[in-house]
Amino acid sequence: MSKTKGATIEKEISVEEKLKALYNLQQVDSAIDRIRIVQGELPLEVSDLEDEVAGLETRIKNFTEEVNALEDLITQRKIAMKDATELIKKYESQQGKVRNNREYDSITKEMEYQTLDIQLSEKRIKEYKTAITLKNEVLDAAKATYNERKNDLDHKKAELKDIIAETEKEEKGLLKKSKDAEELIEARLLNAYQRIRSNSRNGLGLVTVERDACGGCFNKIPPQTQMDIRTHKKIIVCEHCGRILVDAEILSQ
């Protein structure tokens, strides 16, 4: 009995009705695709800008830390120079109190060592200051780029928010229509349509015949195949791209 019922259902849903349901589904899915294309470009731009801004933040942080570290080294060198200067003064006062040449020579060497240390500190401070100047130039450029990209990011986020707000209601309605249309199509045929659509760059799983050619890949369709398509007796796919083919007048019949 179930077999008879199944056969009856199969007869009730003709190939022509299946094709019409598929055609309607394709129209709805294409409308959803158009909305998501508009939305899809902006999220990608926002994501790229977020990555760039995050990278610039890290760059600014690293250069700031490097500049601070160099300034700390300068401070340390200045302290070392002050200590060395005080030691030299101390040794100078001791030179007049030495008891022999050996003590005098020892103090003189200590003074020479401290003098060299002062000269080395002066050289290092000069190098650090040069490095700070160069890093600050890079840092200023990074900050300027960061501010520019941050403004771009804020603008794109606001734009995306507006577009989503405008299209959200329309997209929800289309998604419901798509789901309703899918319920009219048998699982095997629906799976085939979705597979073809997912493999298609323009999201078309079903196309009409236009000027004797496939509306998807634009290859010519033989006259006999076109005649079979117009009869709506069976599902016919393009031998070149695999898309399901229908005639342009299918909805008027």
C-alpha atoms as a PDB file:
ATOM      1  CA  MET A   1       0.000   0.000   0.000  1.00  0.00           C
ATOM      2  CA  SER A   2       2.846   2.337   0.862  1.00  0.00           C
ATOM      3  CA  LYS A   3       4.335   1.554  -2.543  1.00  0.00           C
ATOM      4  CA  THR A   4       1.098   2.687  -4.244  1.00  0.00           C
ATOM      5  CA  LYS A   5       1.045   5.826  -2.114  1.00  0.00           C
ATOM      6  CA  GLY A   6       4.670   6.564  -2.992  1.00  0.00           C
ATOM      7  CA  ALA A   7       3.916   6.111  -6.696  1.00  0.00           C
ATOM      8  CA  THR A   8       0.946   8.464  -6.381  1.00  0.00           C
ATOM      9  CA  ILE A   9       3.098  11.165  -4.753  1.00  0.00           C
ATOM     10  CA  GLU A  10       5.697  10.785  -7.490  1.00  0.00           C
ATOM     11  CA  LYS A  11       3.010  11.351 -10.137  1.00  0.00           C
ATOM     12  CA  GLU A  12       1.593  14.361  -8.334  1.00  0.00           C
ATOM     13  CA  ILE A  13       4.974  16.193  -8.440  1.00  0.00           C
ATOM     14  CA  SER A  14       5.842  16.417 -12.113  1.00  0.00           C
ATOM     15  CA  VAL A  15       9.270  17.211 -13.533  1.00  0.00           C
ATOM     16  CA  GLU A  16       7.912  20.573 -14.647  1.00  0.00           C
ATOM     17  CA  GLU A  17       6.845  21.387 -11.083  1.00  0.00           C
ATOM     18  CA  LYS A  18      10.238  20.295  -9.774  1.00  0.00           C
ATOM     19  CA  LEU A  19      11.957  22.562 -12.291  1.00  0.00           C
ATOM     20  CA  LYS A  20       9.723  25.491 -11.356  1.00  0.00           C
ATOM     21  CA  ALA A  21      10.492  24.915  -7.674  1.00  0.00           C
ATOM     22  CA  LEU A  22      14.215  24.748  -8.458  1.00  0.00           C
ATOM     23  CA  TYR A  23      13.979  27.918 -10.559  1.00  0.00           C
ATOM     24  CA  ASN A  24      12.249  29.776  -7.722  1.00  0.00           C
ATOM     25  CA  LEU A  25      14.822  28.467  -5.264  1.00  0.00           C
ATOM     26  CA  GLN A  26      17.647  29.686  -7.489  1.00  0.00           C
ATOM     27  CA  GLN A  27      16.117  33.160  -7.717  1.00  0.00           C
ATOM     28  CA  VAL A  28      15.854  33.380  -3.923  1.00  0.00           C
ATOM     29  CA  ASP A  29      19.354  31.968  -3.379  1.00  0.00           C
ATOM     30  CA  SER A  30      20.803  34.430  -5.898  1.00  0.00           C
ATOM     31  CA  ALA A  31      19.124  37.311  -4.063  1.00  0.00           C
ATOM     32  CA  ILE A  32      20.677  36.076  -0.802  1.00  0.00           C
ATOM     33  CA  ASP A  33      24.055  35.808  -2.534  1.00  0.00           C
ATOM     34  CA  ARG A  34      23.821  39.420  -3.715  1.00  0.00           C
ATOM     35  CA  ILE A  35      23.168  40.604  -0.149  1.00  0.00           C
ATOM     36  CA  ARG A  36      26.055  38.552   1.193  1.00  0.00           C
ATOM     37  CA  ILE A  37      28.402  39.797  -1.504  1.00  0.00           C
ATOM     38  CA  VAL A  38      27.750  43.349  -0.338  1.00  0.00           C
ATOM     39  CA  GLN A  39      28.180  42.285   3.290  1.00  0.00           C
ATOM     40  CA  GLY A  40      30.981  39.868   2.521  1.00  0.00           C
ATOM     41  CA  GLU A  41      33.401  42.440   1.128  1.00  0.00           C
ATOM     42  CA  LEU A  42      33.142  44.738   4.110  1.00  0.00           C
ATOM     43  CA  PRO A  43      33.753  42.122   6.842  1.00  0.00           C
ATOM     44  CA  LEU A  44      36.865  41.071   4.932  1.00  0.00           C
ATOM     45  CA  GLU A  45      38.042  44.689   4.775  1.00  0.00           C
ATOM     46  CA  VAL A  46      37.233  45.141   8.464  1.00  0.00           C
ATOM     47  CA  SER A  47      39.131  41.949   9.329  1.00  0.00           C
ATOM     48  CA  ASP A  48      42.173  43.044   7.290  1.00  0.00           C
ATOM     49  CA  LEU A  49      42.138  46.486   8.911  1.00  0.00           C
ATOM     50  CA  GLU A  50      41.808  44.940  12.387  1.00  0.00           C
ATOM     51  CA  ASP A  51      44.855  42.776  11.694  1.00  0.00           C
ATOM     52  CA  GLU A  52      46.809  45.782  10.388  1.00  0.00           C
ATOM     53  CA  VAL A  53      45.825  47.960  13.354  1.00  0.00           C
ATOM     54  CA  ALA A  54      46.777  45.175  15.781  1.00  0.00           C
ATOM     55  CA  GLY A  55      50.128  44.804  13.993  1.00  0.00           C
ATOM     56  CA  LEU A  56      50.745  48.556  14.212  1.00  0.00           C
ATOM     57  CA  GLU A  57      49.837  48.554  17.913  1.00  0.00           C
ATOM     58  CA  THR A  58      52.426  45.822  18.500  1.00  0.00           C
ATOM     59  CA  ARG A  59      54.998  47.708  16.408  1.00  0.00           C
ATOM     60  CA  ILE A  60      54.371  50.947  18.341  1.00  0.00           C
ATOM     61  CA  LYS A  61      54.575  49.106  21.664  1.00  0.00           C
ATOM     62  CA  ASN A  62      57.858  47.401  20.715  1.00  0.00           C
ATOM     63  CA  PHE A  63      59.500  50.606  19.481  1.00  0.00           C
ATOM     64  CA  THR A  64      58.295  52.525  22.558  1.00  0.00           C
ATOM     65  CA  GLU A  65      59.809  49.855  24.809  1.00  0.00           C
ATOM     66  CA  GLU A  66      63.062  49.984  22.815  1.00  0.00           C
ATOM     67  CA  VAL A  67      63.224  53.783  23.129  1.00  0.00           C
ATOM     68  CA  ASN A  68      62.519  53.548  26.874  1.00  0.00           C
ATOM     69  CA  ALA A  69      65.241  50.912  27.229  1.00  0.00           C
ATOM     70  CA  LEU A  70      67.741  53.163  25.431  1.00  0.00           C
ATOM     71  CA  GLU A  71      66.796  56.100  27.652  1.00  0.00           C
ATOM     72  CA  ASP A  72      67.357  53.862  30.690  1.00  0.00           C
ATOM     73  CA  LEU A  73      70.810  52.982  29.328  1.00  0.00           C
ATOM     74  CA  ILE A  74      71.584  56.678  28.915  1.00  0.00           C
ATOM     75  CA  THR A  75      70.549  57.276  32.533  1.00  0.00           C
ATOM     76  CA  GLN A  76      72.758  54.396  33.661  1.00  0.00           C
ATOM     77  CA  ARG A  77      75.709  55.766  31.699  1.00  0.00           C
ATOM     78  CA  LYS A  78      75.235  59.239  33.159  1.00  0.00           C
ATOM     79  CA  ILE A  79      75.207  57.753  36.662  1.00  0.00           C
ATOM     80  CA  ALA A  80      78.375  55.792  35.805  1.00  0.00           C
ATOM     81  CA  MET A  81      80.022  58.998  34.525  1.00  0.00           C
ATOM     82  CA  LYS A  82      79.091  60.823  37.735  1.00  0.00           C
ATOM     83  CA  ASP A  83      80.505  57.988  39.837  1.00  0.00           C
ATOM     84  CA  ALA A  84      83.706  57.928  37.747  1.00  0.00           C
ATOM     85  CA  THR A  85      84.102  61.703  38.072  1.00  0.00           C
ATOM     86  CA  GLU A  86      83.759  61.495  41.846  1.00  0.00           C
ATOM     87  CA  LEU A  87      86.320  58.677  41.953  1.00  0.00           C
ATOM     88  CA  ILE A  88      88.753  60.751  39.909  1.00  0.00           C
ATOM     89  CA  LYS A  89      88.390  63.634  42.366  1.00  0.00           C
ATOM     90  CA  LYS A  90      88.942  61.199  45.210  1.00  0.00           C
ATOM     91  CA  TYR A  91      92.074  59.770  43.549  1.00  0.00           C
ATOM     92  CA  GLU A  92      93.400  63.287  42.854  1.00  0.00           C
ATOM     93  CA  SER A  93      93.171  64.111  46.539  1.00  0.00           C
ATOM     94  CA  GLN A  94      94.928  60.838  47.376  1.00  0.00           C
ATOM     95  CA  GLN A  95      97.836  61.519  45.003  1.00  0.00           C
ATOM     96  CA  GLY A  96      99.242  64.130  47.362  1.00  0.00           C
ATOM     97  CA  LYS A  97      99.270  61.657  50.207  1.00  0.00           C
ATOM     98  CA  VAL A  98     101.017  58.716  48.547  1.00  0.00           C
ATOM     99  CA  ARG A  99     104.088  57.274  50.239  1.00  0.00           C
ATOM    100  CA  ASN A 100     105.838  55.779  47.229  1.00  0.00           C
ATOM    101  CA  ASN A 101     105.883  55.579  43.443  1.00  0.00           C
ATOM    102  CA  ARG A 102     104.014  52.288  43.408  1.00  0.00           C
ATOM    103  CA  GLU A 103     100.997  53.804  45.166  1.00  0.00           C
ATOM    104  CA  TYR A 104     101.209  56.845  42.887  1.00  0.00           C
ATOM    105  CA  ASP A 105     101.257  54.669  39.749  1.00  0.00           C
ATOM    106  CA  SER A 106      98.321  52.589  41.068  1.00  0.00           C
ATOM    107  CA  ILE A 107      96.211  55.677  41.697  1.00  0.00           C
ATOM    108  CA  THR A 108      97.178  57.121  38.318  1.00  0.00           C
ATOM    109  CA  LYS A 109      96.050  53.912  36.550  1.00  0.00           C
ATOM    110  CA  GLU A 110      92.729  54.017  38.416  1.00  0.00           C
ATOM    111  CA  MET A 111      92.239  57.606  37.300  1.00  0.00           C
ATOM    112  CA  GLU A 112      93.060  56.663  33.709  1.00  0.00           C
ATOM    113  CA  TYR A 113      90.604  53.761  33.908  1.00  0.00           C
ATOM    114  CA  GLN A 114      87.829  56.025  35.186  1.00  0.00           C
ATOM    115  CA  THR A 115      88.620  58.589  32.476  1.00  0.00           C
ATOM    116  CA  LEU A 116      88.381  55.902  29.805  1.00  0.00           C
ATOM    117  CA  ASP A 117      85.107  54.743  31.337  1.00  0.00           C
ATOM    118  CA  ILE A 118      83.768  58.305  31.099  1.00  0.00           C
ATOM    119  CA  GLN A 119      84.852  58.528  27.458  1.00  0.00           C
ATOM    120  CA  LEU A 120      83.205  55.170  26.710  1.00  0.00           C
ATOM    121  CA  SER A 121      79.980  56.316  28.402  1.00  0.00           C
ATOM    122  CA  GLU A 122      80.012  59.531  26.353  1.00  0.00           C
ATOM    123  CA  LYS A 123      80.417  57.454  23.179  1.00  0.00           C
ATOM    124  CA  ARG A 124      77.628  55.061  24.167  1.00  0.00           C
ATOM    125  CA  ILE A 125      75.298  57.930  25.093  1.00  0.00           C
ATOM    126  CA  LYS A 126      75.883  59.476  21.664  1.00  0.00           C
ATOM    127  CA  GLU A 127      75.104  56.111  20.006  1.00  0.00           C
ATOM    128  CA  TYR A 128      71.979  55.638  22.123  1.00  0.00           C
ATOM    129  CA  LYS A 129      70.719  59.131  21.293  1.00  0.00           C
ATOM    130  CA  THR A 130      71.237  58.492  17.570  1.00  0.00           C
ATOM    131  CA  ALA A 131      69.354  55.190  17.864  1.00  0.00           C
ATOM    132  CA  ILE A 132      66.541  56.934  19.768  1.00  0.00           C
ATOM    133  CA  THR A 133      66.236  59.582  17.048  1.00  0.00           C
ATOM    134  CA  LEU A 134      65.964  56.918  14.330  1.00  0.00           C
ATOM    135  CA  LYS A 135      63.490  54.825  16.314  1.00  0.00           C
ATOM    136  CA  ASN A 136      61.368  57.892  17.108  1.00  0.00           C
ATOM    137  CA  GLU A 137      61.162  58.657  13.377  1.00  0.00           C
ATOM    138  CA  VAL A 138      59.874  55.126  12.723  1.00  0.00           C
ATOM    139  CA  LEU A 139      57.621  55.398  15.766  1.00  0.00           C
ATOM    140  CA  ASP A 140      56.092  58.675  14.572  1.00  0.00           C
ATOM    141  CA  ALA A 141      55.448  57.178  11.129  1.00  0.00           C
ATOM    142  CA  ALA A 142      53.862  54.085  12.708  1.00  0.00           C
ATOM    143  CA  LYS A 143      51.634  56.268  14.913  1.00  0.00           C
ATOM    144  CA  ALA A 144      50.519  58.324  11.910  1.00  0.00           C
ATOM    145  CA  THR A 145      49.711  55.158   9.947  1.00  0.00           C
ATOM    146  CA  TYR A 146      47.958  53.699  12.990  1.00  0.00           C
ATOM    147  CA  ASN A 147      45.712  56.761  13.354  1.00  0.00           C
ATOM    148  CA  GLU A 148      44.878  56.637   9.648  1.00  0.00           C
ATOM    149  CA  ARG A 149      44.084  52.914   9.674  1.00  0.00           C
ATOM    150  CA  LYS A 150      42.138  53.218  12.937  1.00  0.00           C
ATOM    151  CA  ASN A 151      39.944  55.915  11.370  1.00  0.00           C
ATOM    152  CA  ASP A 152      39.437  53.680   8.311  1.00  0.00           C
ATOM    153  CA  LEU A 153      38.521  50.773  10.596  1.00  0.00           C
ATOM    154  CA  ASP A 154      35.986  52.822  12.564  1.00  0.00           C
ATOM    155  CA  HIS A 155      34.437  54.047   9.308  1.00  0.00           C
ATOM    156  CA  LYS A 156      34.226  50.530   7.814  1.00  0.00           C
ATOM    157  CA  LYS A 157      32.732  49.117  11.019  1.00  0.00           C
ATOM    158  CA  ALA A 158      30.053  51.810  11.045  1.00  0.00           C
ATOM    159  CA  GLU A 159      29.352  51.186   7.348  1.00  0.00           C
ATOM    160  CA  LEU A 160      29.079  47.429   7.912  1.00  0.00           C
ATOM    161  CA  LYS A 161      26.761  47.958  10.865  1.00  0.00           C
ATOM    162  CA  ASP A 162      24.467  50.150   8.727  1.00  0.00           C
ATOM    163  CA  ILE A 163      24.411  47.635   5.849  1.00  0.00           C
ATOM    164  CA  ILE A 164      23.641  44.726   8.173  1.00  0.00           C
ATOM    165  CA  ALA A 165      20.853  46.754   9.779  1.00  0.00           C
ATOM    166  CA  GLU A 166      19.410  47.547   6.333  1.00  0.00           C
ATOM    167  CA  THR A 167      19.633  44.028   4.898  1.00  0.00           C
ATOM    168  CA  GLU A 168      19.052  41.869   7.972  1.00  0.00           C
ATOM    169  CA  LYS A 169      15.251  41.884   7.647  1.00  0.00           C
ATOM    170  CA  GLU A 170      15.392  41.246   3.886  1.00  0.00           C
ATOM    171  CA  GLU A 171      17.898  38.430   4.324  1.00  0.00           C
ATOM    172  CA  LYS A 172      15.779  36.734   6.998  1.00  0.00           C
ATOM    173  CA  GLY A 173      12.753  36.857   4.700  1.00  0.00           C
ATOM    174  CA  LEU A 174      14.730  35.408   1.799  1.00  0.00           C
ATOM    175  CA  LEU A 175      16.162  32.649   3.974  1.00  0.00           C
ATOM    176  CA  LYS A 176      12.640  31.642   4.959  1.00  0.00           C
ATOM    177  CA  LYS A 177      11.593  31.615   1.292  1.00  0.00           C
ATOM    178  CA  SER A 178      14.639  29.512   0.454  1.00  0.00           C
ATOM    179  CA  LYS A 179      13.774  26.993   3.172  1.00  0.00           C
ATOM    180  CA  ASP A 180      10.139  26.858   2.021  1.00  0.00           C
ATOM    181  CA  ALA A 181      11.230  26.282  -1.580  1.00  0.00           C
ATOM    182  CA  GLU A 182      13.626  23.515  -0.524  1.00  0.00           C
ATOM    183  CA  GLU A 183      10.752  21.612   1.094  1.00  0.00           C
ATOM    184  CA  LEU A 184       9.075  21.296  -2.315  1.00  0.00           C
ATOM    185  CA  ILE A 185      12.106  19.551  -3.838  1.00  0.00           C
ATOM    186  CA  GLU A 186      13.054  15.933  -3.275  1.00  0.00           C
ATOM    187  CA  ALA A 187      16.260  15.380  -1.320  1.00  0.00           C
ATOM    188  CA  ARG A 188      18.262  13.795  -4.175  1.00  0.00           C
ATOM    189  CA  LEU A 189      17.538  16.636  -6.587  1.00  0.00           C
ATOM    190  CA  LEU A 190      18.078  19.277  -3.904  1.00  0.00           C
ATOM    191  CA  ASN A 191      21.452  17.774  -2.992  1.00  0.00           C
ATOM    192  CA  ALA A 192      22.468  17.753  -6.646  1.00  0.00           C
ATOM    193  CA  TYR A 193      21.441  21.421  -7.026  1.00  0.00           C
ATOM    194  CA  GLN A 194      23.318  22.453  -3.874  1.00  0.00           C
ATOM    195  CA  ARG A 195      26.423  20.534  -4.932  1.00  0.00           C
ATOM    196  CA  ILE A 196      26.439  22.171  -8.372  1.00  0.00           C
ATOM    197  CA  ARG A 197      25.809  25.573  -6.809  1.00  0.00           C
ATOM    198  CA  SER A 198      28.645  25.213  -4.284  1.00  0.00           C
ATOM    199  CA  ASN A 199      31.069  24.312  -7.088  1.00  0.00           C
ATOM    200  CA  SER A 200      29.968  27.266  -9.210  1.00  0.00           C
ATOM    201  CA  ARG A 201      31.808  30.576  -8.926  1.00  0.00           C
ATOM    202  CA  ASN A 202      28.615  32.602  -9.428  1.00  0.00           C
ATOM    203  CA  GLY A 203      26.469  30.377  -7.204  1.00  0.00           C
ATOM    204  CA  LEU A 204      24.245  29.201 -10.055  1.00  0.00           C
ATOM    205  CA  GLY A 205      23.080  25.593  -9.860  1.00  0.00           C
ATOM    206  CA  LEU A 206      20.243  26.124 -12.336  1.00  0.00           C
ATOM    207  CA  VAL A 207      20.273  28.400 -15.394  1.00  0.00           C
ATOM    208  CA  THR A 208      18.027  29.193 -18.328  1.00  0.00           C
ATOM    209  CA  VAL A 209      18.869  28.629 -21.960  1.00  0.00           C
ATOM    210  CA  GLU A 210      19.768  31.974 -23.521  1.00  0.00           C
ATOM    211  CA  ARG A 211      20.321  32.400 -27.293  1.00  0.00           C
ATOM    212  CA  ASP A 212      20.738  28.649 -27.756  1.00  0.00           C
ATOM    213  CA  ALA A 213      23.464  28.537 -25.079  1.00  0.00           C
ATOM    214  CA  CYS A 214      23.842  27.590 -21.414  1.00  0.00           C
ATOM    215  CA  GLY A 215      23.190  30.615 -19.222  1.00  0.00           C
ATOM    216  CA  GLY A 216      26.029  29.518 -16.946  1.00  0.00           C
ATOM    217  CA  CYS A 217      29.001  28.630 -19.141  1.00  0.00           C
ATOM    218  CA  PHE A 218      27.600  30.043 -22.454  1.00  0.00           C
ATOM    219  CA  ASN A 219      28.428  26.927 -24.448  1.00  0.00           C
ATOM    220  CA  LYS A 220      26.048  26.110 -27.314  1.00  0.00           C
ATOM    221  CA  ILE A 221      23.301  23.574 -26.630  1.00  0.00           C
ATOM    222  CA  PRO A 222      22.326  21.152 -29.424  1.00  0.00           C
ATOM    223  CA  PRO A 223      18.829  21.708 -30.922  1.00  0.00           C
ATOM    224  CA  GLN A 224      17.590  18.276 -29.830  1.00  0.00           C
ATOM    225  CA  THR A 225      18.662  18.954 -26.233  1.00  0.00           C
ATOM    226  CA  GLN A 226      16.891  22.313 -26.340  1.00  0.00           C
ATOM    227  CA  MET A 227      13.733  20.559 -27.484  1.00  0.00           C
ATOM    228  CA  ASP A 228      14.015  18.078 -24.603  1.00  0.00           C
ATOM    229  CA  ILE A 229      14.454  20.986 -22.184  1.00  0.00           C
ATOM    230  CA  ARG A 230      11.264  22.670 -23.435  1.00  0.00           C
ATOM    231  CA  THR A 231       9.192  19.538 -22.906  1.00  0.00           C
ATOM    232  CA  HIS A 232       9.949  19.477 -19.148  1.00  0.00           C
ATOM    233  CA  LYS A 233       9.863  15.681 -19.135  1.00  0.00           C
ATOM    234  CA  LYS A 234      13.219  15.123 -17.450  1.00  0.00           C
ATOM    235  CA  ILE A 235      16.007  16.928 -15.607  1.00  0.00           C
ATOM    236  CA  ILE A 236      18.702  17.940 -18.104  1.00  0.00           C
ATOM    237  CA  VAL A 237      22.130  19.278 -17.191  1.00  0.00           C
ATOM    238  CA  CYS A 238      24.689  21.121 -19.305  1.00  0.00           C
ATOM    239  CA  GLU A 239      27.249  18.662 -20.641  1.00  0.00           C
ATOM    240  CA  HIS A 240      29.959  21.314 -20.211  1.00  0.00           C
ATOM    241  CA  CYS A 241      29.404  22.820 -16.735  1.00  0.00           C
ATOM    242  CA  GLY A 242      26.889  20.405 -15.145  1.00  0.00           C
ATOM    243  CA  ARG A 243      24.294  23.066 -14.302  1.00  0.00           C
ATOM    244  CA  ILE A 244      20.617  22.165 -14.461  1.00  0.00           C
ATOM    245  CA  LEU A 245      19.015  23.661 -17.564  1.00  0.00           C
ATOM    246  CA  VAL A 246      15.512  25.147 -17.965  1.00  0.00           C
ATOM    247  CA  ASP A 247      13.858  27.175 -20.697  1.00  0.00           C
ATOM    248  CA  ALA A 248      13.173  30.851 -20.023  1.00  0.00           C
ATOM    249  CA  GLU A 249       9.383  30.415 -20.380  1.00  0.00           C
ATOM    250  CA  ILE A 250       9.027  27.796 -17.658  1.00  0.00           C
ATOM    251  CA  LEU A 251       7.267  30.121 -15.187  1.00  0.00           C
ATOM    252  CA  SER A 252       4.735  31.271 -17.744  1.00  0.00           C
ATOM    253  CA  GLN A 253       3.493  27.730 -18.314  1.00  0.00           C
END
